[in-house]
Amino acid sequence: NSIAGDYRETVECLDQYALRKASQIDLPIRLALGTNEGGIPDSIEEVWSKDTALIECSEYLDCHFPESRRVEKESTAAAMKELRDRRLQRVAAIGSRIGFEKYGLKIIADNIGNQGENNTTFILLERPN
């Protein structure tokens, strides 16, 4: 990730296996903030997301939700799914537009990353011959 750095879990996993990089692609990452329908932005007490997403959006959160507790979840998708499943009104999640659409959540702020140019590198791995 061009802002938050390597994903710890990925690096630890790659160290365990004899794999090599076959290819890679860099994709832009645009993060949004959302809630369940009926959630009121002024009442947000917690913001959930992957640790790297919380870092990537820290300036927005500091400015707009300075009192809200930041809670790390396994992934942005896990945060959005749990928010939907528990039907919480005073919790928001950080994730992608596609994720908010998938989970039926309402976007209250879009493109909230600290920098406009944030990319994540995805790699294709293969076993050596």
C-alpha atoms as a PDB file:
ATOM      1  CA  ASN A   1       0.000   0.000   0.000  1.00  0.00           C
ATOM      2  CA  SER A   2       1.512   3.315  -1.027  1.00  0.00           C
ATOM      3  CA  ILE A   3       0.455   5.123   2.176  1.00  0.00           C
ATOM      4  CA  ALA A   4       0.246   2.584   5.000  1.00  0.00           C
ATOM      5  CA  GLY A   5       2.955   0.200   3.793  1.00  0.00           C
ATOM      6  CA  ASP A   6       2.956  -3.586   3.578  1.00  0.00           C
ATOM      7  CA  TYR A   7       0.084  -5.646   4.894  1.00  0.00           C
ATOM      8  CA  ARG A   8       1.652  -7.467   7.820  1.00  0.00           C
ATOM      9  CA  GLU A   9      -0.420 -10.630   7.320  1.00  0.00           C
ATOM     10  CA  THR A  10       0.597 -10.956   3.674  1.00  0.00           C
ATOM     11  CA  VAL A  11       4.298 -10.536   4.345  1.00  0.00           C
ATOM     12  CA  GLU A  12       4.207 -13.079   7.196  1.00  0.00           C
ATOM     13  CA  CYS A  13       2.390 -15.592   5.018  1.00  0.00           C
ATOM     14  CA  LEU A  14       4.749 -15.133   2.064  1.00  0.00           C
ATOM     15  CA  ASP A  15       7.736 -15.800   4.305  1.00  0.00           C
ATOM     16  CA  GLN A  16       6.358 -19.292   5.039  1.00  0.00           C
ATOM     17  CA  TYR A  17       6.188 -20.544   1.439  1.00  0.00           C
ATOM     18  CA  ALA A  18       8.619 -20.888  -1.440  1.00  0.00           C
ATOM     19  CA  LEU A  19       6.783 -18.741  -3.963  1.00  0.00           C
ATOM     20  CA  ARG A  20       7.899 -16.201  -6.501  1.00  0.00           C
ATOM     21  CA  LYS A  21       6.195 -13.189  -8.003  1.00  0.00           C
ATOM     22  CA  ALA A  22       4.887 -13.892 -11.509  1.00  0.00           C
ATOM     23  CA  SER A  23       3.199 -10.555 -12.102  1.00  0.00           C
ATOM     24  CA  GLN A  24       1.826  -7.499 -10.337  1.00  0.00           C
ATOM     25  CA  ILE A  25      -0.675  -4.716 -10.830  1.00  0.00           C
ATOM     26  CA  ASP A  26      -1.123  -1.443  -8.945  1.00  0.00           C
ATOM     27  CA  LEU A  27      -4.722  -0.348  -8.444  1.00  0.00           C
ATOM     28  CA  PRO A  28      -5.967   2.956  -7.056  1.00  0.00           C
ATOM     29  CA  ILE A  29      -7.675   2.775  -3.680  1.00  0.00           C
ATOM     30  CA  ARG A  30     -10.522   5.184  -2.922  1.00  0.00           C
ATOM     31  CA  LEU A  31     -12.043   4.871   0.526  1.00  0.00           C
ATOM     32  CA  ALA A  32     -15.418   6.043   1.798  1.00  0.00           C
ATOM     33  CA  LEU A  33     -17.174   6.260   5.152  1.00  0.00           C
ATOM     34  CA  GLY A  34     -20.634   4.790   5.618  1.00  0.00           C
ATOM     35  CA  THR A  35     -23.324   3.713   8.049  1.00  0.00           C
ATOM     36  CA  ASN A  36     -26.549   1.782   8.131  1.00  0.00           C
ATOM     37  CA  GLU A  37     -29.638   3.534   6.802  1.00  0.00           C
ATOM     38  CA  GLY A  38     -30.827   5.799   9.586  1.00  0.00           C
ATOM     39  CA  GLY A  39     -27.325   6.362  10.940  1.00  0.00           C
ATOM     40  CA  ILE A  40     -26.676  10.011  11.751  1.00  0.00           C
ATOM     41  CA  PRO A  41     -23.117  11.265  11.136  1.00  0.00           C
ATOM     42  CA  ASP A  42     -23.214  13.564  14.184  1.00  0.00           C
ATOM     43  CA  SER A  43     -23.914  10.578  16.440  1.00  0.00           C
ATOM     44  CA  ILE A  44     -21.017   8.338  15.298  1.00  0.00           C
ATOM     45  CA  GLU A  45     -19.189   6.966  18.356  1.00  0.00           C
ATOM     46  CA  GLU A  46     -16.948   4.397  16.638  1.00  0.00           C
ATOM     47  CA  VAL A  47     -15.340   3.954  13.215  1.00  0.00           C
ATOM     48  CA  TRP A  48     -14.433   0.398  12.172  1.00  0.00           C
ATOM     49  CA  SER A  49     -12.026  -0.769   9.483  1.00  0.00           C
ATOM     50  CA  LYS A  50      -8.794  -2.522   8.625  1.00  0.00           C
ATOM     51  CA  ASP A  51      -5.836  -0.971  10.441  1.00  0.00           C
ATOM     52  CA  THR A  52      -4.318   0.304   7.194  1.00  0.00           C
ATOM     53  CA  ALA A  53      -7.585   1.970   6.132  1.00  0.00           C
ATOM     54  CA  LEU A  54      -7.808   3.743   9.500  1.00  0.00           C
ATOM     55  CA  ILE A  55      -4.268   5.049   8.946  1.00  0.00           C
ATOM     56  CA  GLU A  56      -5.027   6.061   5.349  1.00  0.00           C
ATOM     57  CA  CYS A  57      -8.048   8.104   6.486  1.00  0.00           C
ATOM     58  CA  SER A  58      -6.663   9.478   9.746  1.00  0.00           C
ATOM     59  CA  GLU A  59      -6.682  13.138   8.672  1.00  0.00           C
ATOM     60  CA  TYR A  60     -10.366  13.001   7.706  1.00  0.00           C
ATOM     61  CA  LEU A  61     -11.245  11.200  10.943  1.00  0.00           C
ATOM     62  CA  ASP A  62      -9.203  13.646  13.044  1.00  0.00           C
ATOM     63  CA  CYS A  63     -11.055  16.563  11.463  1.00  0.00           C
ATOM     64  CA  HIS A  64     -14.619  15.208  11.301  1.00  0.00           C
ATOM     65  CA  PHE A  65     -14.772  12.532  14.021  1.00  0.00           C
ATOM     66  CA  PRO A  66     -12.073  13.432  16.574  1.00  0.00           C
ATOM     67  CA  GLU A  67     -14.003  11.936  19.505  1.00  0.00           C
ATOM     68  CA  SER A  68     -14.973   8.697  17.747  1.00  0.00           C
ATOM     69  CA  ARG A  69     -13.124   5.568  18.809  1.00  0.00           C
ATOM     70  CA  ARG A  70     -11.267   3.783  15.990  1.00  0.00           C
ATOM     71  CA  VAL A  71     -11.707   0.016  16.043  1.00  0.00           C
ATOM     72  CA  GLU A  72      -9.521  -2.304  13.965  1.00  0.00           C
ATOM     73  CA  LYS A  73     -11.241  -5.149  12.136  1.00  0.00           C
ATOM     74  CA  GLU A  74      -9.819  -8.009  10.051  1.00  0.00           C
ATOM     75  CA  SER A  75     -10.669  -6.232   6.794  1.00  0.00           C
ATOM     76  CA  THR A  76     -12.737  -3.385   5.406  1.00  0.00           C
ATOM     77  CA  ALA A  77     -15.262  -5.968   4.185  1.00  0.00           C
ATOM     78  CA  ALA A  78     -15.478  -7.565   7.641  1.00  0.00           C
ATOM     79  CA  ALA A  79     -16.144  -4.143   9.181  1.00  0.00           C
ATOM     80  CA  MET A  80     -18.927  -3.367   6.721  1.00  0.00           C
ATOM     81  CA  LYS A  81     -20.516  -6.817   7.046  1.00  0.00           C
ATOM     82  CA  GLU A  82     -20.518  -6.708  10.849  1.00  0.00           C
ATOM     83  CA  LEU A  83     -21.947  -3.188  10.813  1.00  0.00           C
ATOM     84  CA  ARG A  84     -24.778  -4.343   8.567  1.00  0.00           C
ATOM     85  CA  ASP A  85     -25.409  -7.587  10.470  1.00  0.00           C
ATOM     86  CA  ARG A  86     -25.575  -5.854  13.849  1.00  0.00           C
ATOM     87  CA  ARG A  87     -27.658  -2.946  12.471  1.00  0.00           C
ATOM     88  CA  LEU A  88     -25.723  -0.428  14.538  1.00  0.00           C
ATOM     89  CA  GLN A  89     -26.624   3.247  14.172  1.00  0.00           C
ATOM     90  CA  ARG A  90     -23.748   4.937  16.046  1.00  0.00           C
ATOM     91  CA  VAL A  91     -20.957   3.106  14.217  1.00  0.00           C
ATOM     92  CA  ALA A  92     -19.481   3.864  10.799  1.00  0.00           C
ATOM     93  CA  ALA A  93     -17.127   1.804   8.646  1.00  0.00           C
ATOM     94  CA  ILE A  94     -14.426   2.680   6.142  1.00  0.00           C
ATOM     95  CA  GLY A  95     -14.401   0.740   2.893  1.00  0.00           C
ATOM     96  CA  SER A  96     -14.922   0.844  -0.853  1.00  0.00           C
ATOM     97  CA  ARG A  97     -17.977   2.090  -2.732  1.00  0.00           C
ATOM     98  CA  ILE A  98     -18.516  -1.435  -4.048  1.00  0.00           C
ATOM     99  CA  GLY A  99     -18.453  -2.799  -0.494  1.00  0.00           C
ATOM    100  CA  PHE A 100     -21.041  -0.298   0.706  1.00  0.00           C
ATOM    101  CA  GLU A 101     -23.272  -1.220  -2.226  1.00  0.00           C
ATOM    102  CA  LYS A 102     -22.823  -4.949  -1.553  1.00  0.00           C
ATOM    103  CA  TYR A 103     -23.773  -4.623   2.113  1.00  0.00           C
ATOM    104  CA  GLY A 104     -26.581  -2.113   1.549  1.00  0.00           C
ATOM    105  CA  LEU A 105     -24.923   0.627   3.593  1.00  0.00           C
ATOM    106  CA  LYS A 106     -25.189   4.381   3.081  1.00  0.00           C
ATOM    107  CA  ILE A 107     -22.075   6.363   2.121  1.00  0.00           C
ATOM    108  CA  ILE A 108     -21.806   9.561   4.153  1.00  0.00           C
ATOM    109  CA  ALA A 109     -18.408  10.712   2.820  1.00  0.00           C
ATOM    110  CA  ASP A 110     -16.465   9.611  -0.247  1.00  0.00           C
ATOM    111  CA  ASN A 111     -12.764   9.699  -1.144  1.00  0.00           C
ATOM    112  CA  ILE A 112     -11.647  10.349   2.443  1.00  0.00           C
ATOM    113  CA  GLY A 113      -8.053   9.154   2.115  1.00  0.00           C
ATOM    114  CA  ASN A 114      -5.191  11.346   3.306  1.00  0.00           C
ATOM    115  CA  GLN A 115      -3.720  11.494  -0.198  1.00  0.00           C
ATOM    116  CA  GLY A 116      -5.431  11.445  -3.566  1.00  0.00           C
ATOM    117  CA  GLU A 117      -2.873   9.039  -4.982  1.00  0.00           C
ATOM    118  CA  ASN A 118      -3.127   5.851  -2.940  1.00  0.00           C
ATOM    119  CA  ASN A 119      -2.454   2.532  -4.623  1.00  0.00           C
ATOM    120  CA  THR A 120      -2.302  -1.063  -3.528  1.00  0.00           C
ATOM    121  CA  THR A 121      -0.094  -3.553  -5.325  1.00  0.00           C
ATOM    122  CA  PHE A 122      -1.648  -6.929  -6.037  1.00  0.00           C
ATOM    123  CA  ILE A 123       0.728  -9.734  -6.960  1.00  0.00           C
ATOM    124  CA  LEU A 124       0.281 -13.052  -8.734  1.00  0.00           C
ATOM    125  CA  LEU A 125       2.410 -15.744  -7.160  1.00  0.00           C
ATOM    126  CA  GLU A 126       3.649 -19.025  -8.566  1.00  0.00           C
ATOM    127  CA  ARG A 127       5.616 -21.974  -7.333  1.00  0.00           C
ATOM    128  CA  PRO A 128       9.114 -22.229  -8.789  1.00  0.00           C
ATOM    129  CA  ASN A 129       9.640 -25.153 -11.207  1.00  0.00           C
END
